[in-house]
N, C-alpha and C. Protein backbone atom coordinates (compact mmCIF):
# COMPACT_ATOMS: atom_id res chain seq x y z
N UNK A 1 110.46 101.92 84.04
CA UNK A 1 109.98 101.80 85.42
C UNK A 1 110.99 102.44 86.35
N UNK A 2 110.51 103.29 87.27
CA UNK A 2 111.38 103.96 88.21
C UNK A 2 111.47 103.25 89.54
N UNK A 3 110.76 102.16 89.67
CA UNK A 3 110.78 101.45 90.94
C UNK A 3 112.18 100.94 91.24
N UNK A 4 112.53 100.99 92.51
CA UNK A 4 113.86 100.54 92.91
C UNK A 4 113.92 99.03 92.94
N UNK A 5 115.02 98.48 92.51
CA UNK A 5 115.28 97.07 92.74
C UNK A 5 115.98 96.95 94.07
N UNK A 6 115.86 95.81 94.68
CA UNK A 6 116.53 95.53 95.96
C UNK A 6 116.17 96.54 97.03
N UNK A 7 114.90 96.94 97.11
CA UNK A 7 114.46 97.76 98.24
C UNK A 7 114.52 96.89 99.48
N UNK A 8 115.04 97.39 100.59
CA UNK A 8 115.14 96.56 101.79
C UNK A 8 113.79 96.05 102.24
N UNK A 9 113.76 94.83 102.75
CA UNK A 9 112.53 94.27 103.28
C UNK A 9 112.28 94.70 104.71
N UNK A 10 113.26 95.34 105.32
CA UNK A 10 113.09 95.79 106.70
C UNK A 10 113.49 97.24 106.82
N UNK A 11 112.83 97.97 107.69
CA UNK A 11 113.21 99.35 107.95
C UNK A 11 114.53 99.44 108.68
N UNK A 12 115.06 100.66 108.86
CA UNK A 12 116.32 100.83 109.59
C UNK A 12 116.26 100.17 110.96
N UNK A 13 117.38 99.58 111.35
CA UNK A 13 117.44 98.91 112.64
C UNK A 13 117.04 97.46 112.58
N UNK A 14 116.62 96.98 111.39
CA UNK A 14 116.30 95.58 111.23
C UNK A 14 114.91 95.19 111.66
N UNK A 15 114.07 96.14 112.10
CA UNK A 15 112.72 95.82 112.54
C UNK A 15 111.77 95.80 111.36
N UNK A 16 111.00 94.75 111.25
CA UNK A 16 109.98 94.71 110.22
C UNK A 16 108.80 95.56 110.67
N UNK A 17 108.12 96.18 109.74
CA UNK A 17 107.03 97.09 110.07
C UNK A 17 105.75 96.33 110.38
N UNK A 18 104.97 96.90 111.30
CA UNK A 18 103.64 96.35 111.56
C UNK A 18 102.53 97.30 111.11
N UNK A 19 102.91 98.52 110.70
CA UNK A 19 101.93 99.54 110.37
C UNK A 19 102.27 100.21 109.04
N UNK A 20 101.29 100.31 108.17
CA UNK A 20 101.43 101.04 106.91
C UNK A 20 100.70 102.37 107.06
N UNK A 21 101.43 103.46 106.86
CA UNK A 21 100.87 104.80 107.02
C UNK A 21 100.80 105.45 105.64
N UNK A 22 99.60 105.56 105.12
CA UNK A 22 99.40 106.14 103.79
C UNK A 22 99.05 107.62 103.91
N UNK A 23 99.87 108.47 103.31
CA UNK A 23 99.45 109.84 103.10
C UNK A 23 98.21 109.80 102.20
N UNK A 24 97.33 110.77 102.37
CA UNK A 24 96.08 110.78 101.60
C UNK A 24 96.15 111.77 100.44
N UNK A 25 96.32 113.06 100.77
CA UNK A 25 96.35 114.10 99.74
C UNK A 25 97.53 113.93 98.80
N UNK A 26 97.27 113.73 97.54
CA UNK A 26 98.32 113.62 96.55
C UNK A 26 98.89 112.23 96.40
N UNK A 27 98.59 111.34 97.34
CA UNK A 27 99.06 109.95 97.26
C UNK A 27 97.93 109.02 96.88
N UNK A 28 96.83 109.08 97.61
CA UNK A 28 95.66 108.25 97.29
C UNK A 28 94.64 108.99 96.45
N UNK A 29 94.53 110.30 96.66
CA UNK A 29 93.59 111.11 95.88
C UNK A 29 94.33 112.25 95.20
N UNK A 30 93.88 112.60 94.00
CA UNK A 30 94.59 113.51 93.11
C UNK A 30 94.20 114.96 93.43
N UNK A 31 94.86 115.54 94.42
CA UNK A 31 94.47 116.85 94.94
C UNK A 31 95.50 117.96 94.75
N UNK A 32 96.73 117.62 94.40
CA UNK A 32 97.80 118.61 94.53
C UNK A 32 97.58 119.87 93.69
N UNK A 33 97.09 119.70 92.49
CA UNK A 33 96.94 120.89 91.65
C UNK A 33 95.71 121.69 92.05
N UNK A 34 94.73 121.04 92.63
CA UNK A 34 93.62 121.77 93.23
C UNK A 34 94.11 122.62 94.41
N UNK A 35 94.94 122.01 95.23
CA UNK A 35 95.53 122.75 96.35
C UNK A 35 96.34 123.95 95.87
N UNK A 36 97.17 123.73 94.85
CA UNK A 36 98.02 124.81 94.35
C UNK A 36 97.17 125.98 93.84
N UNK A 37 96.13 125.68 93.09
CA UNK A 37 95.29 126.74 92.56
C UNK A 37 94.53 127.46 93.67
N UNK A 38 94.05 126.71 94.66
CA UNK A 38 93.34 127.33 95.77
C UNK A 38 94.27 128.26 96.56
N UNK A 39 95.51 127.83 96.79
CA UNK A 39 96.46 128.69 97.49
C UNK A 39 96.79 129.92 96.65
N UNK A 40 96.95 129.75 95.36
CA UNK A 40 97.24 130.88 94.49
C UNK A 40 96.13 131.92 94.59
N UNK A 41 94.89 131.47 94.52
CA UNK A 41 93.76 132.40 94.60
C UNK A 41 93.68 133.05 95.98
N UNK A 42 94.01 132.28 97.02
CA UNK A 42 93.99 132.85 98.37
C UNK A 42 95.04 133.95 98.49
N UNK A 43 96.25 133.71 98.02
CA UNK A 43 97.29 134.74 98.07
C UNK A 43 96.88 135.97 97.26
N UNK A 44 96.28 135.75 96.11
CA UNK A 44 95.89 136.88 95.25
C UNK A 44 94.87 137.78 95.94
N UNK A 45 94.06 137.23 96.82
CA UNK A 45 93.10 138.07 97.55
C UNK A 45 93.81 139.17 98.33
N UNK A 46 95.05 138.90 98.72
CA UNK A 46 95.81 139.84 99.55
C UNK A 46 96.94 140.50 98.77
N UNK A 47 96.80 140.50 97.44
CA UNK A 47 97.77 141.20 96.62
C UNK A 47 99.10 140.52 96.50
N UNK A 48 99.16 139.24 96.80
CA UNK A 48 100.41 138.47 96.70
C UNK A 48 100.28 137.53 95.52
N UNK A 49 101.27 137.55 94.62
CA UNK A 49 101.19 136.73 93.41
C UNK A 49 102.40 135.82 93.31
N UNK A 50 102.41 134.72 94.04
CA UNK A 50 103.53 133.78 93.93
C UNK A 50 103.41 132.96 92.65
N UNK A 51 104.53 132.55 92.12
CA UNK A 51 104.50 131.63 90.98
C UNK A 51 103.87 130.31 91.43
N UNK A 52 102.97 129.78 90.62
CA UNK A 52 102.26 128.56 91.02
C UNK A 52 103.22 127.40 91.23
N UNK A 53 104.31 127.38 90.46
CA UNK A 53 105.25 126.27 90.65
C UNK A 53 105.86 126.29 92.04
N UNK A 54 106.03 127.50 92.62
CA UNK A 54 106.58 127.58 93.96
C UNK A 54 105.58 127.02 94.99
N UNK A 55 104.32 127.29 94.76
CA UNK A 55 103.30 126.71 95.65
C UNK A 55 103.33 125.19 95.55
N UNK A 56 103.40 124.71 94.31
CA UNK A 56 103.43 123.25 94.11
C UNK A 56 104.59 122.62 94.86
N UNK A 57 105.75 123.29 94.84
CA UNK A 57 106.92 122.72 95.48
C UNK A 57 106.76 122.64 96.99
N UNK A 58 105.88 123.47 97.56
CA UNK A 58 105.66 123.46 99.00
C UNK A 58 104.55 122.51 99.42
N UNK A 59 103.79 121.99 98.46
CA UNK A 59 102.70 121.09 98.81
C UNK A 59 103.23 119.83 99.48
N UNK A 60 102.48 119.36 100.43
CA UNK A 60 102.96 118.29 101.31
C UNK A 60 103.25 118.86 102.69
N UNK A 61 103.62 120.15 102.73
CA UNK A 61 103.64 120.87 104.00
C UNK A 61 102.20 121.17 104.40
N UNK A 62 101.98 121.34 105.67
CA UNK A 62 100.68 121.83 106.10
C UNK A 62 100.59 123.33 105.93
N UNK A 63 99.36 123.83 105.99
CA UNK A 63 99.15 125.26 105.84
C UNK A 63 99.84 126.09 106.89
N UNK A 64 100.13 125.49 108.06
CA UNK A 64 100.82 126.24 109.11
C UNK A 64 102.26 126.55 108.73
N UNK A 65 102.81 125.80 107.79
CA UNK A 65 104.17 126.05 107.31
C UNK A 65 104.18 126.72 105.94
N UNK A 66 103.17 126.42 105.12
CA UNK A 66 103.22 126.81 103.71
C UNK A 66 103.20 128.32 103.51
N UNK A 67 102.41 129.05 104.28
CA UNK A 67 102.31 130.50 104.08
C UNK A 67 103.67 131.15 104.26
N UNK A 68 104.36 130.81 105.34
CA UNK A 68 105.68 131.37 105.57
C UNK A 68 106.69 130.93 104.53
N UNK A 69 106.59 129.69 104.10
CA UNK A 69 107.50 129.18 103.08
C UNK A 69 107.36 129.95 101.78
N UNK A 70 106.13 130.28 101.41
CA UNK A 70 105.88 130.95 100.14
C UNK A 70 106.04 132.46 100.24
N UNK A 71 105.52 133.06 101.29
CA UNK A 71 105.43 134.52 101.34
C UNK A 71 106.28 135.16 102.44
N UNK A 72 106.89 134.37 103.29
CA UNK A 72 107.77 134.91 104.31
C UNK A 72 107.12 135.02 105.67
N UNK A 73 107.96 135.18 106.68
CA UNK A 73 107.50 135.17 108.08
C UNK A 73 106.59 136.35 108.39
N UNK A 74 106.83 137.49 107.77
CA UNK A 74 106.01 138.66 108.05
C UNK A 74 104.57 138.45 107.59
N UNK A 75 104.40 137.88 106.40
CA UNK A 75 103.05 137.59 105.90
C UNK A 75 102.37 136.55 106.77
N UNK A 76 103.12 135.55 107.19
CA UNK A 76 102.54 134.55 108.09
C UNK A 76 102.05 135.20 109.37
N UNK A 77 102.86 136.06 109.94
CA UNK A 77 102.49 136.68 111.20
C UNK A 77 101.27 137.58 111.04
N UNK A 78 101.22 138.34 109.95
CA UNK A 78 100.15 139.33 109.78
C UNK A 78 98.88 138.74 109.18
N UNK A 79 99.02 137.74 108.28
CA UNK A 79 97.86 137.31 107.52
C UNK A 79 97.73 135.80 107.40
N UNK A 80 98.53 135.05 108.16
CA UNK A 80 98.53 133.60 108.02
C UNK A 80 97.16 132.98 108.20
N UNK A 81 96.47 133.33 109.27
CA UNK A 81 95.16 132.74 109.53
C UNK A 81 94.15 133.15 108.46
N UNK A 82 94.21 134.41 108.03
CA UNK A 82 93.29 134.87 106.99
C UNK A 82 93.55 134.16 105.67
N UNK A 83 94.81 133.91 105.36
CA UNK A 83 95.13 133.20 104.12
C UNK A 83 94.66 131.76 104.18
N UNK A 84 94.79 131.13 105.33
CA UNK A 84 94.32 129.74 105.45
C UNK A 84 92.79 129.67 105.33
N UNK A 85 92.11 130.66 105.89
CA UNK A 85 90.66 130.70 105.74
C UNK A 85 90.27 130.93 104.28
N UNK A 86 91.01 131.79 103.59
CA UNK A 86 90.74 132.04 102.18
C UNK A 86 91.00 130.78 101.36
N UNK A 87 92.07 130.06 101.71
CA UNK A 87 92.34 128.79 101.01
C UNK A 87 91.16 127.84 101.15
N UNK A 88 90.60 127.71 102.33
CA UNK A 88 89.46 126.82 102.53
C UNK A 88 88.30 127.23 101.63
N UNK A 89 88.02 128.52 101.55
CA UNK A 89 86.93 129.00 100.72
C UNK A 89 87.17 128.71 99.24
N UNK A 90 88.42 128.76 98.82
CA UNK A 90 88.75 128.50 97.43
C UNK A 90 88.78 127.00 97.11
N UNK A 91 89.20 126.21 98.09
CA UNK A 91 89.37 124.78 97.84
C UNK A 91 88.05 124.01 97.87
N UNK A 92 87.18 124.34 98.77
CA UNK A 92 85.98 123.52 98.96
C UNK A 92 85.10 123.38 97.73
N UNK A 93 84.94 124.41 96.89
CA UNK A 93 84.14 124.20 95.68
C UNK A 93 84.74 123.19 94.71
N UNK A 94 86.03 122.85 94.87
CA UNK A 94 86.68 121.89 94.00
C UNK A 94 86.53 120.45 94.47
N UNK A 95 86.00 120.26 95.66
CA UNK A 95 85.98 118.91 96.24
C UNK A 95 85.32 117.89 95.34
N UNK A 96 84.23 118.25 94.70
CA UNK A 96 83.50 117.29 93.87
C UNK A 96 84.25 116.93 92.60
N UNK A 97 85.27 117.71 92.24
CA UNK A 97 86.08 117.39 91.06
C UNK A 97 87.15 116.35 91.36
N UNK A 98 87.51 116.22 92.62
CA UNK A 98 88.65 115.39 93.00
C UNK A 98 88.32 113.91 92.88
N UNK A 99 89.28 113.16 92.35
CA UNK A 99 89.11 111.73 92.15
C UNK A 99 90.29 110.97 92.77
N UNK A 100 90.07 109.72 93.13
CA UNK A 100 91.20 108.91 93.61
C UNK A 100 92.11 108.53 92.45
N UNK A 101 93.36 108.29 92.77
CA UNK A 101 94.26 107.75 91.76
C UNK A 101 93.87 106.31 91.43
N UNK A 102 94.12 105.93 90.21
CA UNK A 102 93.81 104.56 89.77
C UNK A 102 94.50 103.55 90.68
N UNK A 103 93.72 102.61 91.17
CA UNK A 103 94.27 101.53 91.98
C UNK A 103 94.40 101.85 93.45
N UNK A 104 93.93 103.02 93.89
CA UNK A 104 94.12 103.41 95.29
C UNK A 104 93.44 102.43 96.25
N UNK A 105 92.17 102.13 96.02
CA UNK A 105 91.46 101.26 96.94
C UNK A 105 92.02 99.85 96.92
N UNK A 106 92.33 99.36 95.74
CA UNK A 106 92.88 98.00 95.65
C UNK A 106 94.22 97.89 96.38
N UNK A 107 95.02 98.93 96.32
CA UNK A 107 96.32 98.90 97.00
C UNK A 107 96.16 98.85 98.51
N UNK A 108 95.33 99.71 99.07
CA UNK A 108 95.21 99.69 100.53
C UNK A 108 94.51 98.42 101.01
N UNK A 109 93.62 97.86 100.19
CA UNK A 109 93.02 96.57 100.55
C UNK A 109 94.07 95.48 100.60
N UNK A 110 94.97 95.47 99.63
CA UNK A 110 96.01 94.45 99.58
C UNK A 110 96.99 94.59 100.74
N UNK A 111 97.38 95.82 101.04
CA UNK A 111 98.31 96.03 102.15
C UNK A 111 97.66 95.58 103.46
N UNK A 112 96.40 95.90 103.65
CA UNK A 112 95.69 95.45 104.86
C UNK A 112 95.62 93.92 104.90
N UNK A 113 95.38 93.29 103.76
CA UNK A 113 95.29 91.84 103.70
C UNK A 113 96.62 91.17 104.03
N UNK A 114 97.72 91.89 103.87
CA UNK A 114 99.04 91.34 104.19
C UNK A 114 99.37 91.45 105.68
N UNK A 115 98.42 91.92 106.45
CA UNK A 115 98.58 91.89 107.91
C UNK A 115 98.97 93.19 108.56
N UNK A 116 99.05 94.25 107.79
CA UNK A 116 99.47 95.53 108.37
C UNK A 116 98.31 96.24 109.06
N UNK A 117 98.63 96.90 110.16
CA UNK A 117 97.73 97.93 110.65
C UNK A 117 97.76 99.05 109.61
N UNK A 118 96.60 99.57 109.26
CA UNK A 118 96.53 100.53 108.16
C UNK A 118 96.00 101.86 108.67
N UNK A 119 96.80 102.91 108.50
CA UNK A 119 96.40 104.25 108.91
C UNK A 119 96.43 105.16 107.68
N UNK A 120 95.36 105.89 107.45
CA UNK A 120 95.30 106.89 106.40
C UNK A 120 95.57 108.24 107.06
N UNK A 121 96.72 108.80 106.75
CA UNK A 121 97.24 109.93 107.51
C UNK A 121 97.10 111.23 106.74
N UNK A 122 96.38 112.16 107.34
CA UNK A 122 96.23 113.49 106.75
C UNK A 122 96.17 114.52 107.86
N UNK A 123 96.71 115.69 107.58
CA UNK A 123 96.54 116.82 108.51
C UNK A 123 95.52 117.80 107.94
N UNK A 124 94.70 117.31 107.00
CA UNK A 124 93.66 118.13 106.42
C UNK A 124 92.49 118.32 107.36
N UNK A 125 91.60 119.23 106.97
CA UNK A 125 90.40 119.47 107.76
C UNK A 125 89.51 118.23 107.77
N UNK A 126 88.82 118.01 108.87
CA UNK A 126 88.05 116.79 109.06
C UNK A 126 87.08 116.52 107.92
N UNK A 127 86.33 117.54 107.51
CA UNK A 127 85.34 117.35 106.45
C UNK A 127 86.00 116.94 105.14
N UNK A 128 87.17 117.51 104.85
CA UNK A 128 87.88 117.15 103.63
C UNK A 128 88.38 115.71 103.70
N UNK A 129 88.98 115.36 104.83
CA UNK A 129 89.51 114.01 104.99
C UNK A 129 88.40 112.98 104.87
N UNK A 130 87.28 113.23 105.49
CA UNK A 130 86.17 112.28 105.42
C UNK A 130 85.68 112.11 103.98
N UNK A 131 85.67 113.19 103.22
CA UNK A 131 85.29 113.09 101.80
C UNK A 131 86.28 112.20 101.05
N UNK A 132 87.56 112.39 101.30
CA UNK A 132 88.58 111.59 100.61
C UNK A 132 88.51 110.12 101.04
N UNK A 133 88.22 109.88 102.31
CA UNK A 133 88.06 108.50 102.76
C UNK A 133 86.96 107.80 101.98
N UNK A 134 85.88 108.50 101.75
CA UNK A 134 84.78 107.90 101.00
C UNK A 134 85.19 107.57 99.57
N UNK A 135 86.07 108.38 98.99
CA UNK A 135 86.50 108.13 97.61
C UNK A 135 87.29 106.83 97.47
N UNK A 136 87.99 106.42 98.52
CA UNK A 136 88.83 105.22 98.44
C UNK A 136 88.32 104.08 99.32
N UNK A 137 87.11 104.21 99.85
CA UNK A 137 86.58 103.17 100.73
C UNK A 137 87.32 103.06 102.04
N UNK A 138 87.94 104.14 102.46
CA UNK A 138 88.84 104.09 103.60
C UNK A 138 88.19 103.79 104.92
N UNK A 139 86.95 104.19 105.11
CA UNK A 139 86.30 103.95 106.40
C UNK A 139 86.18 102.45 106.70
N UNK A 140 85.97 101.65 105.66
CA UNK A 140 85.79 100.20 105.85
C UNK A 140 87.12 99.46 105.91
N UNK A 141 88.15 100.05 105.31
CA UNK A 141 89.41 99.33 105.17
C UNK A 141 90.41 99.69 106.27
N UNK A 142 90.53 100.97 106.57
CA UNK A 142 91.58 101.44 107.48
C UNK A 142 91.25 101.13 108.93
N UNK A 143 92.30 100.94 109.71
CA UNK A 143 92.15 100.78 111.16
C UNK A 143 91.98 102.13 111.84
N UNK A 144 92.53 103.18 111.22
CA UNK A 144 92.42 104.52 111.79
C UNK A 144 92.78 105.53 110.71
N UNK A 145 92.44 106.78 111.00
CA UNK A 145 92.87 107.87 110.13
C UNK A 145 93.07 109.11 110.99
N UNK A 146 93.74 110.09 110.43
CA UNK A 146 94.04 111.31 111.16
C UNK A 146 93.50 112.52 110.42
N UNK A 147 93.32 113.62 111.15
CA UNK A 147 92.95 114.91 110.58
C UNK A 147 93.74 115.99 111.29
N UNK A 148 93.47 117.23 110.94
CA UNK A 148 94.16 118.35 111.59
C UNK A 148 93.89 118.40 113.08
N UNK A 149 92.78 117.79 113.52
CA UNK A 149 92.45 117.78 114.95
C UNK A 149 93.45 116.98 115.77
N UNK A 150 94.23 116.12 115.10
CA UNK A 150 95.11 115.19 115.81
C UNK A 150 96.54 115.69 115.99
N UNK A 151 96.91 116.79 115.31
CA UNK A 151 98.31 117.21 115.34
C UNK A 151 98.43 118.68 115.70
N UNK A 152 99.54 119.01 116.36
CA UNK A 152 99.83 120.41 116.67
C UNK A 152 100.61 121.07 115.55
N UNK A 153 101.47 120.31 114.89
CA UNK A 153 102.27 120.84 113.78
C UNK A 153 102.24 119.83 112.64
N UNK A 154 102.15 120.33 111.42
CA UNK A 154 102.06 119.46 110.25
C UNK A 154 103.44 119.25 109.64
N UNK A 155 103.48 118.44 108.60
CA UNK A 155 104.75 118.16 107.93
C UNK A 155 105.38 119.47 107.44
N UNK A 156 106.72 119.57 107.55
CA UNK A 156 107.70 118.50 107.78
C UNK A 156 107.93 118.10 109.23
N UNK A 157 107.18 118.62 110.18
CA UNK A 157 107.24 118.09 111.54
C UNK A 157 106.76 116.64 111.54
N UNK A 158 107.25 115.81 112.45
CA UNK A 158 106.92 114.38 112.42
C UNK A 158 105.64 114.01 113.16
N UNK A 159 104.90 115.00 113.66
CA UNK A 159 103.74 114.73 114.51
C UNK A 159 102.76 113.74 113.88
N UNK A 160 102.47 113.95 112.59
CA UNK A 160 101.46 113.13 111.92
C UNK A 160 101.86 111.65 111.91
N UNK A 161 103.13 111.39 111.68
CA UNK A 161 103.61 110.00 111.64
C UNK A 161 103.52 109.39 113.03
N UNK A 162 103.92 110.14 114.04
CA UNK A 162 103.84 109.64 115.41
C UNK A 162 102.42 109.35 115.85
N UNK A 163 101.51 110.25 115.54
CA UNK A 163 100.10 110.06 115.89
C UNK A 163 99.53 108.85 115.18
N UNK A 164 99.90 108.66 113.91
CA UNK A 164 99.40 107.51 113.16
C UNK A 164 99.78 106.20 113.84
N UNK A 165 101.02 106.10 114.29
CA UNK A 165 101.46 104.89 114.99
C UNK A 165 100.72 104.73 116.32
N UNK A 166 100.56 105.83 117.03
CA UNK A 166 99.90 105.77 118.33
C UNK A 166 98.45 105.31 118.20
N UNK A 167 97.78 105.74 117.15
CA UNK A 167 96.36 105.42 117.01
C UNK A 167 96.10 103.93 116.90
N UNK A 168 97.06 103.18 116.37
CA UNK A 168 96.85 101.74 116.20
C UNK A 168 97.78 100.92 117.08
N UNK A 169 98.53 101.56 117.96
CA UNK A 169 99.46 100.83 118.81
C UNK A 169 100.59 100.20 118.04
N UNK A 170 101.01 100.85 116.95
CA UNK A 170 102.08 100.30 116.13
C UNK A 170 103.45 100.50 116.74
N UNK A 171 104.32 99.53 116.54
CA UNK A 171 105.70 99.62 117.02
C UNK A 171 106.64 100.18 115.95
N UNK A 172 106.36 99.85 114.70
CA UNK A 172 107.22 100.31 113.60
C UNK A 172 106.36 100.47 112.35
N UNK A 173 106.67 101.47 111.56
CA UNK A 173 105.82 101.77 110.42
C UNK A 173 106.58 101.95 109.13
N UNK A 174 105.81 102.00 108.06
CA UNK A 174 106.29 102.38 106.74
C UNK A 174 105.39 103.50 106.25
N UNK A 175 105.98 104.58 105.79
CA UNK A 175 105.23 105.71 105.26
C UNK A 175 105.13 105.58 103.76
N UNK A 176 103.95 105.80 103.20
CA UNK A 176 103.77 105.82 101.76
C UNK A 176 103.27 107.21 101.40
N UNK A 177 104.08 107.97 100.65
CA UNK A 177 103.73 109.35 100.36
C UNK A 177 104.14 109.78 98.97
N UNK A 178 103.82 111.04 98.66
CA UNK A 178 104.07 111.56 97.32
C UNK A 178 105.01 112.76 97.30
N UNK A 179 105.39 113.26 98.47
CA UNK A 179 106.20 114.48 98.49
C UNK A 179 107.47 114.28 99.30
N UNK A 180 108.42 115.19 99.07
CA UNK A 180 109.65 115.14 99.85
C UNK A 180 109.35 115.37 101.33
N UNK A 181 108.28 116.11 101.63
CA UNK A 181 107.95 116.42 103.01
C UNK A 181 107.46 115.20 103.76
N UNK A 182 106.84 114.25 103.06
CA UNK A 182 106.47 112.99 103.69
C UNK A 182 107.71 112.25 104.17
N UNK A 183 108.71 112.18 103.29
CA UNK A 183 109.93 111.46 103.63
C UNK A 183 110.71 112.16 104.74
N UNK A 184 110.76 113.49 104.67
CA UNK A 184 111.48 114.25 105.70
C UNK A 184 110.83 114.05 107.07
N UNK A 185 109.50 114.13 107.12
CA UNK A 185 108.80 113.96 108.39
C UNK A 185 108.99 112.57 108.95
N UNK A 186 108.85 111.55 108.10
CA UNK A 186 108.97 110.17 108.56
C UNK A 186 110.38 109.86 109.03
N UNK A 187 111.37 110.41 108.33
CA UNK A 187 112.76 110.13 108.69
C UNK A 187 113.09 110.61 110.09
N UNK A 188 112.43 111.67 110.55
CA UNK A 188 112.68 112.19 111.89
C UNK A 188 112.31 111.20 112.98
N UNK A 189 111.46 110.22 112.64
CA UNK A 189 111.09 109.17 113.58
C UNK A 189 111.67 107.82 113.16
N UNK A 190 112.63 107.84 112.25
CA UNK A 190 113.26 106.61 111.74
C UNK A 190 112.24 105.68 111.09
N UNK A 191 111.22 106.26 110.48
CA UNK A 191 110.23 105.49 109.73
C UNK A 191 110.59 105.59 108.25
N UNK A 192 110.80 104.47 107.57
CA UNK A 192 111.16 104.53 106.15
C UNK A 192 109.97 104.94 105.29
N UNK A 193 110.26 105.48 104.12
CA UNK A 193 109.23 105.95 103.21
C UNK A 193 109.34 105.27 101.86
N UNK A 194 108.20 104.90 101.32
CA UNK A 194 108.07 104.52 99.92
C UNK A 194 107.33 105.66 99.24
N UNK A 195 107.83 106.11 98.10
CA UNK A 195 107.24 107.27 97.45
C UNK A 195 106.65 106.92 96.09
N UNK A 196 105.57 107.61 95.75
CA UNK A 196 105.02 107.58 94.40
C UNK A 196 105.12 108.98 93.82
N UNK A 197 105.23 109.06 92.50
CA UNK A 197 105.51 110.34 91.87
C UNK A 197 104.23 111.13 91.55
N UNK A 198 103.14 110.75 92.17
CA UNK A 198 101.87 111.42 91.92
C UNK A 198 101.86 112.86 92.40
N UNK A 199 102.82 113.25 93.24
CA UNK A 199 102.90 114.62 93.70
C UNK A 199 103.71 115.52 92.79
N UNK A 200 104.32 114.96 91.75
CA UNK A 200 105.07 115.77 90.81
C UNK A 200 106.52 115.97 91.14
N UNK A 201 107.02 115.33 92.20
CA UNK A 201 108.43 115.42 92.54
C UNK A 201 109.20 114.36 91.74
N UNK A 202 110.45 114.67 91.46
CA UNK A 202 111.27 113.73 90.70
C UNK A 202 111.72 112.57 91.59
N UNK A 203 112.10 111.47 90.95
CA UNK A 203 112.61 110.33 91.69
C UNK A 203 113.86 110.71 92.47
N UNK A 204 114.72 111.54 91.86
CA UNK A 204 115.96 111.94 92.53
C UNK A 204 115.67 112.75 93.79
N UNK A 205 114.72 113.66 93.70
CA UNK A 205 114.37 114.48 94.87
C UNK A 205 113.80 113.62 95.99
N UNK A 206 112.96 112.68 95.63
CA UNK A 206 112.33 111.84 96.64
C UNK A 206 113.36 110.94 97.32
N UNK A 207 114.29 110.41 96.53
CA UNK A 207 115.35 109.58 97.12
C UNK A 207 116.27 110.42 98.02
N UNK A 208 116.58 111.62 97.56
CA UNK A 208 117.45 112.48 98.37
C UNK A 208 116.79 112.82 99.70
N UNK A 209 115.46 112.92 99.70
CA UNK A 209 114.73 113.21 100.95
C UNK A 209 114.66 112.00 101.86
N UNK A 210 114.99 110.81 101.32
CA UNK A 210 115.04 109.63 102.16
C UNK A 210 114.18 108.46 101.72
N UNK A 211 113.48 108.59 100.59
CA UNK A 211 112.62 107.49 100.15
C UNK A 211 113.46 106.26 99.77
N UNK A 212 113.02 105.09 100.24
CA UNK A 212 113.72 103.85 99.91
C UNK A 212 113.51 103.46 98.46
N UNK A 213 112.29 103.66 97.97
CA UNK A 213 111.95 103.30 96.61
C UNK A 213 110.96 104.31 96.06
N UNK A 214 110.96 104.48 94.74
CA UNK A 214 110.09 105.46 94.09
C UNK A 214 109.38 104.77 92.93
N UNK A 215 108.08 104.99 92.84
CA UNK A 215 107.26 104.38 91.82
C UNK A 215 106.48 105.44 91.06
N UNK A 216 106.22 105.17 89.81
CA UNK A 216 105.48 106.12 88.98
C UNK A 216 104.02 106.22 89.38
N UNK A 217 103.45 105.16 89.92
CA UNK A 217 102.02 105.13 90.18
C UNK A 217 101.71 104.15 91.30
N UNK A 218 100.48 104.21 91.80
CA UNK A 218 100.04 103.25 92.80
C UNK A 218 99.96 101.85 92.21
N UNK A 219 99.57 101.75 90.94
CA UNK A 219 99.53 100.45 90.27
C UNK A 219 100.91 99.82 90.25
N UNK A 220 101.92 100.63 89.95
CA UNK A 220 103.28 100.08 89.89
C UNK A 220 103.73 99.65 91.29
N UNK A 221 103.44 100.44 92.29
CA UNK A 221 103.77 100.05 93.66
C UNK A 221 103.08 98.75 94.02
N UNK A 222 101.80 98.63 93.69
CA UNK A 222 101.04 97.42 94.00
C UNK A 222 101.71 96.19 93.38
N UNK A 223 102.19 96.35 92.15
CA UNK A 223 102.81 95.22 91.46
C UNK A 223 104.17 94.84 92.01
N UNK A 224 104.73 95.68 92.90
CA UNK A 224 106.07 95.41 93.43
C UNK A 224 106.08 95.28 94.95
N UNK A 225 104.94 95.00 95.55
CA UNK A 225 104.89 94.91 97.01
C UNK A 225 105.82 93.85 97.58
N UNK A 226 106.01 92.77 96.85
CA UNK A 226 106.82 91.68 97.38
C UNK A 226 108.30 92.03 97.50
N UNK A 227 108.73 93.11 96.85
CA UNK A 227 110.15 93.44 96.85
C UNK A 227 110.52 94.52 97.88
N UNK A 228 109.60 94.86 98.76
CA UNK A 228 109.89 95.92 99.70
C UNK A 228 109.32 95.67 101.08
N UNK A 229 109.32 96.69 101.93
CA UNK A 229 108.88 96.53 103.32
C UNK A 229 107.39 96.30 103.49
N UNK A 230 106.62 96.39 102.40
CA UNK A 230 105.19 96.08 102.48
C UNK A 230 104.89 94.64 102.06
N UNK A 231 105.93 93.82 101.95
CA UNK A 231 105.71 92.42 101.55
C UNK A 231 104.87 91.67 102.57
N UNK A 232 105.15 91.91 103.85
CA UNK A 232 104.37 91.26 104.90
C UNK A 232 104.58 92.03 106.19
N UNK A 233 103.63 91.94 107.05
CA UNK A 233 103.69 92.67 108.32
C UNK A 233 104.39 91.85 109.39
N UNK A 234 105.02 92.55 110.30
CA UNK A 234 105.62 91.90 111.47
C UNK A 234 104.67 92.05 112.64
N UNK A 235 104.21 90.97 113.16
CA UNK A 235 103.30 90.99 114.32
C UNK A 235 103.88 90.17 115.46
């Protein structure tokens, strides 16, 4: 088990959290390799052949950052919008293949039952996010959710985390994510992160990015809620 022992029950500054912010893509639903393949195909349309592992390492960033990260500033300037449009065309046929991770719905139900305001946070396109919400029963469980319409800049910028808190009037939050970019973005607002390894990042990388605890799966996280900041909400 990679879960941390003695994870703090309170976020930095001693404030207990009132809001649980769940990343959606790669954390609740198993999308990362679909994203990587769609980006690879989009780049190939323009004669660019990045190694797929490099694309995977950038996942968790939004598309506004990913093109430059993978192909450089010049490609972003000249073809960024076209590449993002190509990614959409490549990704959408895969939507029906995507499934939630085991235990996703049960976990968010339990966290909500413990008194937290629950936000499902994504900077994805509205239609994609709504599809993923349906996969985990999110419309009935969550207090709010986000899409690309809600943010000006995606992760690693902290906009998504800030908007998530604003949507529910939260004072302090806990981020639950699968990538180093989740932890980096949350840390900019002093929001602690709990990470699951469903995004393919190592426990060491996630901790170095700022994660308080790292779990192999949502099931493992669910079984250890009492030992961390999701034990109970502060209201």
